[in-house]
Structures are given as C-alpha cells and as structure tokens.
Amino acid sequence: MENHSPQTEPHKEHLEIVEARKILDVKWSNLDDSKFREFCMNNAKIHDVCATGVKISDANLSDLEIEGAQLGGAYIHNIGMPPKGHPNYDPAIKQRPLKFENCDLNSSTITDCNLSNVSITDCNLSNVSITDCNLTGMTINGILVEDLLKAYNV
C-alpha cells in the first residue's frame, strides 16, 4: 500500500454506522483497529491494502478472489460447509471447489483436510507437509497420490 498520508497526522475520529445502507468510497485512510460486525459487503472492491493481522470469522466468502497478495504466515482453518451438529448443517449441500493458481505453497502445512479429488498441476510443493488428510482421488500432475503412496509402501 502506498503511503498517501498528508504532512500532519489527522485526528482520530470514531464513526459508528448502525442499521444503514451506505456506499463508502474510502481512499488514503487509516482504518486501524476498526470493527465490522454483522454487515453485508457484497461486490466490494478492495485494492492496494495493508491488512496485516485481520481476522475474518463466521463469514460467507463465496466467490472471493484474492490476487497479488502476500499471505505469509496466514492461518486458514475450519473452511467449508457447516459440520454435523451445527445449526446450519445440511448433508445435501456440498461446497463448490476452491481454486489456487500460480501460488507458492512451499513449506506449507496441510492438516486434517479433505483433499479428495483435488488436482494439483505445475505447483512448487517443496517441503509441503500433508498430514491426516483424505487423499482419495487426489492427483499430482495427473498421477493418483494413492498410487504413489502404494509404490512407496506408505
């Protein structure tokens, strides 16, 4: 994010927006420590942003696109449809697939994830650790991972 701050630091103003429909055009602003709860932000565009330490929970991020982002140290967990026992659980609903393209995943850790029928092609997976995951039907460069594991007696 480019630094567009004026010569002097503006005073910190507390603005509360409750039960309102607004279209915000925010530019060259510092929103550090802001809180967004129970709000709708469909079709919003966020560009040239510094958002380190942001936490998003209990969110519907369907069709989210993240491009040109640095995600080092990101912790992505409990992603998918509501689990059995959750009030919104519906066994008939399946999550649409996720798509990762041109991503550097080296030294990443994937634990207790459903990777069934995942297709990985032309990726840097050096030092990636996959533990306790469902690998049924998963392929790497067109080769079934289950066959690779059998070949190595794993």
N, C-alpha and C. Protein backbone atom coordinates (compact mmCIF):
# COMPACT_ATOMS: atom_id res chain seq x y z
N MET A 1 0.85 -1.18 0.00
CA MET A 1 0.00 0.00 0.00
C MET A 1 0.88 1.23 0.00
N GLU A 2 0.61 2.11 -0.89
CA GLU A 2 1.38 3.34 -0.97
C GLU A 2 1.05 4.25 0.20
N ASN A 3 2.00 5.06 0.61
CA ASN A 3 1.78 5.98 1.72
C ASN A 3 1.32 7.32 1.15
N HIS A 4 0.03 7.62 1.31
CA HIS A 4 -0.53 8.86 0.80
C HIS A 4 -0.89 9.80 1.95
N SER A 5 -0.27 9.62 3.11
CA SER A 5 -0.61 10.42 4.27
C SER A 5 -0.25 11.88 4.07
N PRO A 6 -1.11 12.78 4.53
CA PRO A 6 -0.76 14.20 4.46
C PRO A 6 0.40 14.49 5.40
N GLN A 7 0.92 15.71 5.35
CA GLN A 7 2.07 16.10 6.16
C GLN A 7 1.81 15.93 7.66
N THR A 8 0.62 16.24 8.11
CA THR A 8 0.30 16.09 9.54
C THR A 8 -0.70 14.97 9.71
N GLU A 9 -0.59 14.26 10.80
CA GLU A 9 -1.50 13.15 11.10
C GLU A 9 -2.87 13.72 11.48
N PRO A 10 -3.95 13.28 10.79
CA PRO A 10 -5.29 13.78 11.15
C PRO A 10 -5.72 13.21 12.49
N HIS A 11 -6.66 13.88 13.14
CA HIS A 11 -7.13 13.40 14.44
C HIS A 11 -7.92 12.11 14.24
N LYS A 12 -7.98 11.28 15.28
CA LYS A 12 -8.67 10.01 15.21
C LYS A 12 -10.14 10.24 15.55
N GLU A 13 -11.01 9.95 14.60
CA GLU A 13 -12.45 10.14 14.76
C GLU A 13 -13.12 8.78 14.90
N HIS A 14 -14.07 8.66 15.81
CA HIS A 14 -14.84 7.43 15.97
C HIS A 14 -16.16 7.63 15.25
N LEU A 15 -16.40 6.78 14.25
CA LEU A 15 -17.63 6.87 13.47
C LEU A 15 -18.39 5.57 13.64
N GLU A 16 -19.63 5.63 14.05
CA GLU A 16 -20.45 4.44 14.22
C GLU A 16 -21.58 4.48 13.20
N ILE A 17 -21.68 3.42 12.40
CA ILE A 17 -22.74 3.30 11.40
C ILE A 17 -23.57 2.08 11.79
N VAL A 18 -24.84 2.29 12.13
CA VAL A 18 -25.71 1.21 12.58
C VAL A 18 -26.98 1.21 11.74
N GLU A 19 -27.38 0.04 11.29
CA GLU A 19 -28.62 -0.14 10.52
C GLU A 19 -28.77 0.92 9.42
N ALA A 20 -27.76 0.97 8.56
CA ALA A 20 -27.77 1.96 7.48
C ALA A 20 -27.32 1.30 6.19
N ARG A 21 -27.76 1.82 5.10
CA ARG A 21 -27.26 1.38 3.79
C ARG A 21 -26.39 2.50 3.25
N LYS A 22 -25.10 2.21 3.12
CA LYS A 22 -24.13 3.22 2.69
C LYS A 22 -23.25 2.64 1.60
N ILE A 23 -22.80 3.47 0.72
CA ILE A 23 -21.73 3.13 -0.21
C ILE A 23 -20.56 4.02 0.19
N LEU A 24 -19.48 3.38 0.61
CA LEU A 24 -18.31 4.13 1.07
C LEU A 24 -17.25 4.15 -0.03
N ASP A 25 -16.66 5.27 -0.27
CA ASP A 25 -15.52 5.40 -1.17
C ASP A 25 -14.37 5.88 -0.30
N VAL A 26 -13.58 4.93 0.18
CA VAL A 26 -12.53 5.23 1.15
C VAL A 26 -11.19 5.21 0.43
N LYS A 27 -10.41 6.28 0.57
CA LYS A 27 -9.12 6.38 -0.10
C LYS A 27 -8.14 7.10 0.83
N TRP A 28 -6.91 6.66 0.84
CA TRP A 28 -5.84 7.26 1.64
C TRP A 28 -6.26 7.40 3.10
N SER A 29 -6.84 6.35 3.64
CA SER A 29 -7.37 6.40 5.01
C SER A 29 -6.75 5.31 5.87
N ASN A 30 -6.70 5.56 7.14
CA ASN A 30 -6.22 4.59 8.11
C ASN A 30 -7.41 4.12 8.93
N LEU A 31 -7.75 2.83 8.77
CA LEU A 31 -8.88 2.24 9.49
C LEU A 31 -8.39 1.25 10.55
N ASP A 32 -7.16 1.42 11.02
CA ASP A 32 -6.62 0.52 12.04
C ASP A 32 -7.60 0.38 13.20
N ASP A 33 -7.69 -0.84 13.73
CA ASP A 33 -8.49 -1.17 14.92
C ASP A 33 -9.99 -1.01 14.69
N SER A 34 -10.42 -0.90 13.44
CA SER A 34 -11.86 -0.82 13.16
C SER A 34 -12.50 -2.18 13.38
N LYS A 35 -13.78 -2.19 13.65
CA LYS A 35 -14.53 -3.43 13.84
C LYS A 35 -15.71 -3.42 12.89
N PHE A 36 -15.90 -4.55 12.19
CA PHE A 36 -17.03 -4.72 11.29
C PHE A 36 -17.77 -5.96 11.76
N ARG A 37 -19.02 -5.83 12.15
CA ARG A 37 -19.80 -6.96 12.65
C ARG A 37 -21.16 -6.98 11.97
N GLU A 38 -21.59 -8.18 11.59
CA GLU A 38 -22.92 -8.39 11.04
C GLU A 38 -23.25 -7.37 9.95
N PHE A 39 -22.41 -7.35 8.91
CA PHE A 39 -22.60 -6.39 7.84
C PHE A 39 -22.51 -7.10 6.49
N CYS A 40 -23.01 -6.48 5.48
CA CYS A 40 -23.00 -7.01 4.13
C CYS A 40 -22.07 -6.14 3.29
N MET A 41 -21.19 -6.78 2.52
CA MET A 41 -20.23 -6.04 1.72
C MET A 41 -20.12 -6.68 0.33
N ASN A 42 -21.23 -7.20 -0.19
CA ASN A 42 -21.23 -7.87 -1.50
C ASN A 42 -20.69 -6.96 -2.59
N ASN A 43 -19.91 -7.56 -3.47
CA ASN A 43 -19.35 -6.89 -4.66
C ASN A 43 -18.43 -5.72 -4.33
N ALA A 44 -17.93 -5.63 -3.11
CA ALA A 44 -16.99 -4.58 -2.75
C ALA A 44 -15.65 -4.84 -3.43
N LYS A 45 -14.91 -3.83 -3.70
CA LYS A 45 -13.57 -3.93 -4.28
C LYS A 45 -12.60 -3.31 -3.29
N ILE A 46 -11.55 -4.05 -2.96
CA ILE A 46 -10.54 -3.56 -2.02
C ILE A 46 -9.20 -3.67 -2.75
N HIS A 47 -8.50 -2.56 -2.93
CA HIS A 47 -7.29 -2.54 -3.75
C HIS A 47 -6.18 -1.79 -3.02
N ASP A 48 -4.94 -2.27 -3.16
CA ASP A 48 -3.75 -1.63 -2.59
C ASP A 48 -3.93 -1.44 -1.09
N VAL A 49 -4.09 -2.56 -0.38
CA VAL A 49 -4.48 -2.57 1.03
C VAL A 49 -3.39 -3.17 1.90
N CYS A 50 -3.18 -2.61 3.06
CA CYS A 50 -2.38 -3.25 4.10
C CYS A 50 -3.37 -3.72 5.16
N ALA A 51 -3.47 -5.03 5.33
CA ALA A 51 -4.45 -5.59 6.27
C ALA A 51 -3.80 -6.67 7.13
N THR A 52 -2.58 -6.45 7.61
CA THR A 52 -1.92 -7.43 8.45
C THR A 52 -2.69 -7.59 9.75
N GLY A 53 -2.79 -8.81 10.21
CA GLY A 53 -3.47 -9.10 11.47
C GLY A 53 -4.98 -9.11 11.38
N VAL A 54 -5.56 -9.00 10.18
CA VAL A 54 -7.01 -9.02 10.04
C VAL A 54 -7.51 -10.44 10.30
N LYS A 55 -8.62 -10.56 10.99
CA LYS A 55 -9.24 -11.86 11.25
C LYS A 55 -10.68 -11.81 10.74
N ILE A 56 -11.04 -12.79 9.91
CA ILE A 56 -12.40 -12.91 9.40
C ILE A 56 -12.95 -14.22 9.92
N SER A 57 -14.08 -14.19 10.62
CA SER A 57 -14.67 -15.43 11.13
C SER A 57 -16.17 -15.44 10.88
N ASP A 58 -16.74 -16.65 10.83
CA ASP A 58 -18.17 -16.84 10.60
C ASP A 58 -18.63 -16.03 9.39
N ALA A 59 -17.95 -16.20 8.26
CA ALA A 59 -18.20 -15.37 7.08
C ALA A 59 -18.54 -16.22 5.87
N ASN A 60 -19.36 -15.70 5.00
CA ASN A 60 -19.61 -16.31 3.69
C ASN A 60 -18.73 -15.57 2.70
N LEU A 61 -17.68 -16.21 2.26
CA LEU A 61 -16.74 -15.60 1.33
C LEU A 61 -16.81 -16.28 -0.04
N SER A 62 -17.97 -16.82 -0.39
CA SER A 62 -18.14 -17.46 -1.69
C SER A 62 -17.75 -16.50 -2.80
N ASP A 63 -17.06 -17.02 -3.78
CA ASP A 63 -16.61 -16.27 -4.95
C ASP A 63 -15.58 -15.19 -4.61
N LEU A 64 -14.96 -15.28 -3.43
CA LEU A 64 -13.88 -14.37 -3.05
C LEU A 64 -12.71 -14.58 -4.00
N GLU A 65 -12.09 -13.51 -4.44
CA GLU A 65 -10.89 -13.59 -5.26
C GLU A 65 -9.80 -12.76 -4.59
N ILE A 66 -8.67 -13.40 -4.34
CA ILE A 66 -7.51 -12.71 -3.78
C ILE A 66 -6.41 -12.80 -4.83
N GLU A 67 -5.90 -11.67 -5.27
CA GLU A 67 -4.88 -11.65 -6.32
C GLU A 67 -3.73 -10.75 -5.90
N GLY A 68 -2.53 -11.19 -6.18
CA GLY A 68 -1.35 -10.36 -5.94
C GLY A 68 -1.16 -10.06 -4.46
N ALA A 69 -1.49 -11.01 -3.60
CA ALA A 69 -1.41 -10.78 -2.16
C ALA A 69 -0.25 -11.56 -1.55
N GLN A 70 0.32 -11.04 -0.52
CA GLN A 70 1.34 -11.72 0.27
C GLN A 70 0.60 -12.30 1.47
N LEU A 71 0.56 -13.63 1.60
CA LEU A 71 -0.18 -14.29 2.68
C LEU A 71 0.75 -15.03 3.64
N GLY A 72 2.04 -14.71 3.64
CA GLY A 72 2.98 -15.39 4.53
C GLY A 72 2.51 -15.35 5.97
N GLY A 73 2.48 -16.50 6.60
CA GLY A 73 2.05 -16.59 7.99
C GLY A 73 0.54 -16.69 8.15
N ALA A 74 -0.20 -16.72 7.03
CA ALA A 74 -1.66 -16.82 7.12
C ALA A 74 -2.05 -18.15 7.77
N TYR A 75 -3.11 -18.15 8.53
CA TYR A 75 -3.64 -19.35 9.19
C TYR A 75 -5.08 -19.50 8.73
N ILE A 76 -5.31 -20.43 7.82
CA ILE A 76 -6.63 -20.64 7.23
C ILE A 76 -7.14 -21.96 7.79
N HIS A 77 -8.27 -21.91 8.51
CA HIS A 77 -8.75 -23.12 9.17
C HIS A 77 -10.27 -23.14 9.28
N ASN A 78 -10.82 -24.34 9.48
CA ASN A 78 -12.26 -24.56 9.61
C ASN A 78 -13.02 -23.97 8.42
N ILE A 79 -12.55 -24.28 7.21
CA ILE A 79 -13.15 -23.77 5.98
C ILE A 79 -14.04 -24.86 5.38
N GLY A 80 -15.23 -24.52 4.98
CA GLY A 80 -16.14 -25.46 4.35
C GLY A 80 -17.56 -25.25 4.84
N MET A 81 -18.41 -26.17 4.48
CA MET A 81 -19.81 -26.09 4.89
C MET A 81 -19.91 -26.38 6.40
N PRO A 82 -20.99 -25.92 7.05
CA PRO A 82 -21.14 -26.17 8.48
C PRO A 82 -21.10 -27.67 8.79
N PRO A 83 -20.38 -28.08 9.83
CA PRO A 83 -20.25 -29.50 10.16
C PRO A 83 -21.50 -30.05 10.84
N LYS A 84 -21.59 -31.37 10.87
CA LYS A 84 -22.69 -32.04 11.56
C LYS A 84 -22.77 -31.51 12.99
N GLY A 85 -23.98 -31.22 13.44
CA GLY A 85 -24.18 -30.66 14.78
C GLY A 85 -24.34 -29.15 14.77
N HIS A 86 -23.89 -28.49 13.69
CA HIS A 86 -24.04 -27.03 13.57
C HIS A 86 -25.49 -26.74 13.17
N PRO A 87 -26.10 -25.66 13.67
CA PRO A 87 -27.50 -25.36 13.34
C PRO A 87 -27.77 -25.20 11.84
N ASN A 88 -26.77 -24.82 11.05
CA ASN A 88 -26.95 -24.64 9.60
C ASN A 88 -26.48 -25.85 8.79
N TYR A 89 -26.21 -26.96 9.47
CA TYR A 89 -25.74 -28.16 8.77
C TYR A 89 -26.83 -28.70 7.85
N ASP A 90 -26.45 -29.01 6.61
CA ASP A 90 -27.35 -29.64 5.64
C ASP A 90 -26.54 -30.67 4.88
N PRO A 91 -26.80 -31.97 5.11
CA PRO A 91 -25.98 -33.01 4.47
C PRO A 91 -26.12 -33.04 2.94
N ALA A 92 -27.15 -32.40 2.39
CA ALA A 92 -27.35 -32.40 0.94
C ALA A 92 -26.52 -31.34 0.23
N ILE A 93 -25.98 -30.40 0.96
CA ILE A 93 -25.22 -29.30 0.35
C ILE A 93 -23.74 -29.63 0.33
N LYS A 94 -23.12 -29.44 -0.84
CA LYS A 94 -21.67 -29.62 -0.97
C LYS A 94 -21.04 -28.28 -1.31
N GLN A 95 -19.89 -28.03 -0.75
CA GLN A 95 -19.16 -26.80 -1.06
C GLN A 95 -18.63 -26.86 -2.48
N ARG A 96 -18.69 -25.74 -3.19
CA ARG A 96 -18.07 -25.66 -4.50
C ARG A 96 -16.56 -25.70 -4.33
N PRO A 97 -15.83 -26.23 -5.31
CA PRO A 97 -14.39 -26.36 -5.17
C PRO A 97 -13.68 -25.00 -5.09
N LEU A 98 -12.54 -25.01 -4.42
CA LEU A 98 -11.66 -23.83 -4.36
C LEU A 98 -10.65 -23.95 -5.49
N LYS A 99 -10.11 -22.82 -5.93
CA LYS A 99 -9.11 -22.84 -6.98
C LYS A 99 -7.91 -22.00 -6.55
N PHE A 100 -6.75 -22.64 -6.51
CA PHE A 100 -5.49 -21.95 -6.23
C PHE A 100 -4.69 -21.98 -7.52
N GLU A 101 -4.23 -20.84 -7.98
CA GLU A 101 -3.50 -20.77 -9.24
C GLU A 101 -2.27 -19.88 -9.09
N ASN A 102 -1.14 -20.38 -9.57
CA ASN A 102 0.12 -19.64 -9.52
C ASN A 102 0.46 -19.20 -8.10
N CYS A 103 0.38 -20.15 -7.15
CA CYS A 103 0.64 -19.87 -5.74
C CYS A 103 1.92 -20.57 -5.30
N ASP A 104 2.70 -19.93 -4.47
CA ASP A 104 3.89 -20.54 -3.89
C ASP A 104 3.47 -21.13 -2.55
N LEU A 105 3.35 -22.45 -2.50
CA LEU A 105 2.92 -23.14 -1.28
C LEU A 105 4.08 -23.83 -0.58
N ASN A 106 5.32 -23.56 -0.98
CA ASN A 106 6.43 -24.29 -0.39
C ASN A 106 6.49 -24.08 1.12
N SER A 107 6.84 -25.16 1.81
CA SER A 107 6.96 -25.20 3.27
C SER A 107 5.62 -25.01 3.99
N SER A 108 4.50 -25.14 3.27
CA SER A 108 3.19 -25.03 3.89
C SER A 108 2.82 -26.33 4.60
N THR A 109 1.88 -26.26 5.52
CA THR A 109 1.39 -27.42 6.24
C THR A 109 -0.11 -27.55 5.99
N ILE A 110 -0.53 -28.74 5.58
CA ILE A 110 -1.94 -29.04 5.35
C ILE A 110 -2.29 -30.19 6.28
N THR A 111 -3.19 -29.96 7.23
CA THR A 111 -3.51 -30.96 8.25
C THR A 111 -5.01 -31.16 8.34
N ASP A 112 -5.42 -32.43 8.40
CA ASP A 112 -6.82 -32.81 8.61
C ASP A 112 -7.75 -32.11 7.62
N CYS A 113 -7.40 -32.17 6.32
CA CYS A 113 -8.19 -31.53 5.27
C CYS A 113 -8.74 -32.58 4.31
N ASN A 114 -9.87 -32.30 3.72
CA ASN A 114 -10.44 -33.16 2.70
C ASN A 114 -9.86 -32.74 1.36
N LEU A 115 -8.92 -33.51 0.85
CA LEU A 115 -8.28 -33.23 -0.43
C LEU A 115 -8.75 -34.21 -1.50
N SER A 116 -9.89 -34.88 -1.25
CA SER A 116 -10.38 -35.87 -2.21
C SER A 116 -10.70 -35.19 -3.54
N ASN A 117 -10.26 -35.84 -4.61
CA ASN A 117 -10.48 -35.38 -5.98
C ASN A 117 -9.82 -34.03 -6.29
N VAL A 118 -8.86 -33.62 -5.48
CA VAL A 118 -8.10 -32.40 -5.75
C VAL A 118 -7.09 -32.71 -6.85
N SER A 119 -6.94 -31.79 -7.79
CA SER A 119 -5.97 -31.94 -8.86
C SER A 119 -4.92 -30.85 -8.71
N ILE A 120 -3.65 -31.27 -8.55
CA ILE A 120 -2.54 -30.33 -8.42
C ILE A 120 -1.67 -30.46 -9.66
N THR A 121 -1.43 -29.33 -10.34
CA THR A 121 -0.65 -29.34 -11.58
C THR A 121 0.35 -28.20 -11.56
N ASP A 122 1.58 -28.51 -11.89
CA ASP A 122 2.64 -27.49 -12.05
C ASP A 122 2.77 -26.56 -10.85
N CYS A 123 2.87 -27.12 -9.66
CA CYS A 123 3.00 -26.31 -8.44
C CYS A 123 4.33 -26.58 -7.75
N ASN A 124 4.83 -25.57 -7.04
CA ASN A 124 6.00 -25.75 -6.20
C ASN A 124 5.50 -26.26 -4.85
N LEU A 125 5.68 -27.56 -4.61
CA LEU A 125 5.24 -28.18 -3.35
C LEU A 125 6.44 -28.60 -2.51
N SER A 126 7.60 -27.97 -2.72
CA SER A 126 8.78 -28.37 -1.95
C SER A 126 8.54 -28.13 -0.47
N ASN A 127 8.88 -29.13 0.32
CA ASN A 127 8.77 -29.10 1.77
C ASN A 127 7.34 -28.94 2.28
N VAL A 128 6.32 -29.23 1.45
CA VAL A 128 4.94 -29.19 1.90
C VAL A 128 4.68 -30.45 2.73
N SER A 129 4.01 -30.26 3.86
CA SER A 129 3.66 -31.38 4.73
C SER A 129 2.15 -31.58 4.70
N ILE A 130 1.72 -32.79 4.29
CA ILE A 130 0.30 -33.14 4.27
C ILE A 130 0.11 -34.26 5.28
N THR A 131 -0.72 -34.01 6.30
CA THR A 131 -0.89 -34.97 7.40
C THR A 131 -2.37 -35.18 7.68
N ASP A 132 -2.75 -36.46 7.88
CA ASP A 132 -4.11 -36.83 8.28
C ASP A 132 -5.18 -36.24 7.37
N CYS A 133 -4.96 -36.31 6.06
CA CYS A 133 -5.90 -35.76 5.08
C CYS A 133 -6.52 -36.88 4.26
N ASN A 134 -7.73 -36.64 3.75
CA ASN A 134 -8.37 -37.56 2.82
C ASN A 134 -7.79 -37.28 1.44
N LEU A 135 -7.04 -38.25 0.89
CA LEU A 135 -6.36 -38.08 -0.39
C LEU A 135 -7.03 -38.88 -1.51
N THR A 136 -8.22 -39.44 -1.25
CA THR A 136 -8.91 -40.27 -2.23
C THR A 136 -9.14 -39.51 -3.53
N GLY A 137 -8.60 -40.01 -4.62
CA GLY A 137 -8.80 -39.39 -5.92
C GLY A 137 -7.92 -38.19 -6.20
N MET A 138 -7.07 -37.81 -5.24
CA MET A 138 -6.19 -36.66 -5.43
C MET A 138 -5.11 -37.01 -6.45
N THR A 139 -4.82 -36.07 -7.35
CA THR A 139 -3.75 -36.29 -8.32
C THR A 139 -2.74 -35.15 -8.26
N ILE A 140 -1.47 -35.50 -8.56
CA ILE A 140 -0.41 -34.52 -8.72
C ILE A 140 0.14 -34.74 -10.12
N ASN A 141 0.04 -33.71 -10.96
CA ASN A 141 0.46 -33.81 -12.36
C ASN A 141 -0.14 -35.04 -13.04
N GLY A 142 -1.43 -35.32 -12.75
CA GLY A 142 -2.16 -36.41 -13.39
C GLY A 142 -1.94 -37.78 -12.78
N ILE A 143 -1.10 -37.89 -11.77
CA ILE A 143 -0.81 -39.19 -11.14
C ILE A 143 -1.57 -39.28 -9.82
N LEU A 144 -2.30 -40.38 -9.63
CA LEU A 144 -3.04 -40.57 -8.38
C LEU A 144 -2.07 -40.66 -7.21
N VAL A 145 -2.30 -39.88 -6.18
CA VAL A 145 -1.44 -39.89 -5.00
C VAL A 145 -1.51 -41.25 -4.31
N GLU A 146 -2.69 -41.86 -4.33
CA GLU A 146 -2.83 -43.20 -3.72
C GLU A 146 -1.88 -44.19 -4.39
N ASP A 147 -1.72 -44.11 -5.73
CA ASP A 147 -0.79 -44.99 -6.42
C ASP A 147 0.66 -44.69 -6.05
N LEU A 148 0.98 -43.40 -5.90
CA LEU A 148 2.34 -43.01 -5.48
C LEU A 148 2.65 -43.58 -4.10
N LEU A 149 1.68 -43.47 -3.18
CA LEU A 149 1.90 -43.98 -1.83
C LEU A 149 2.05 -45.50 -1.82
N LYS A 150 1.25 -46.19 -2.62
CA LYS A 150 1.37 -47.66 -2.73
C LYS A 150 2.74 -48.04 -3.26
N ALA A 151 3.23 -47.32 -4.26
CA ALA A 151 4.54 -47.60 -4.86
C ALA A 151 5.66 -47.47 -3.86
N TYR A 152 5.48 -46.57 -2.90
CA TYR A 152 6.50 -46.36 -1.86
C TYR A 152 6.15 -47.05 -0.57
N ASN A 153 5.12 -47.91 -0.58
CA ASN A 153 4.69 -48.68 0.60
C ASN A 153 4.39 -47.78 1.80
N VAL A 154 3.76 -46.69 1.56
CA VAL A 154 3.42 -45.74 2.66
C VAL A 154 2.04 -46.06 3.15
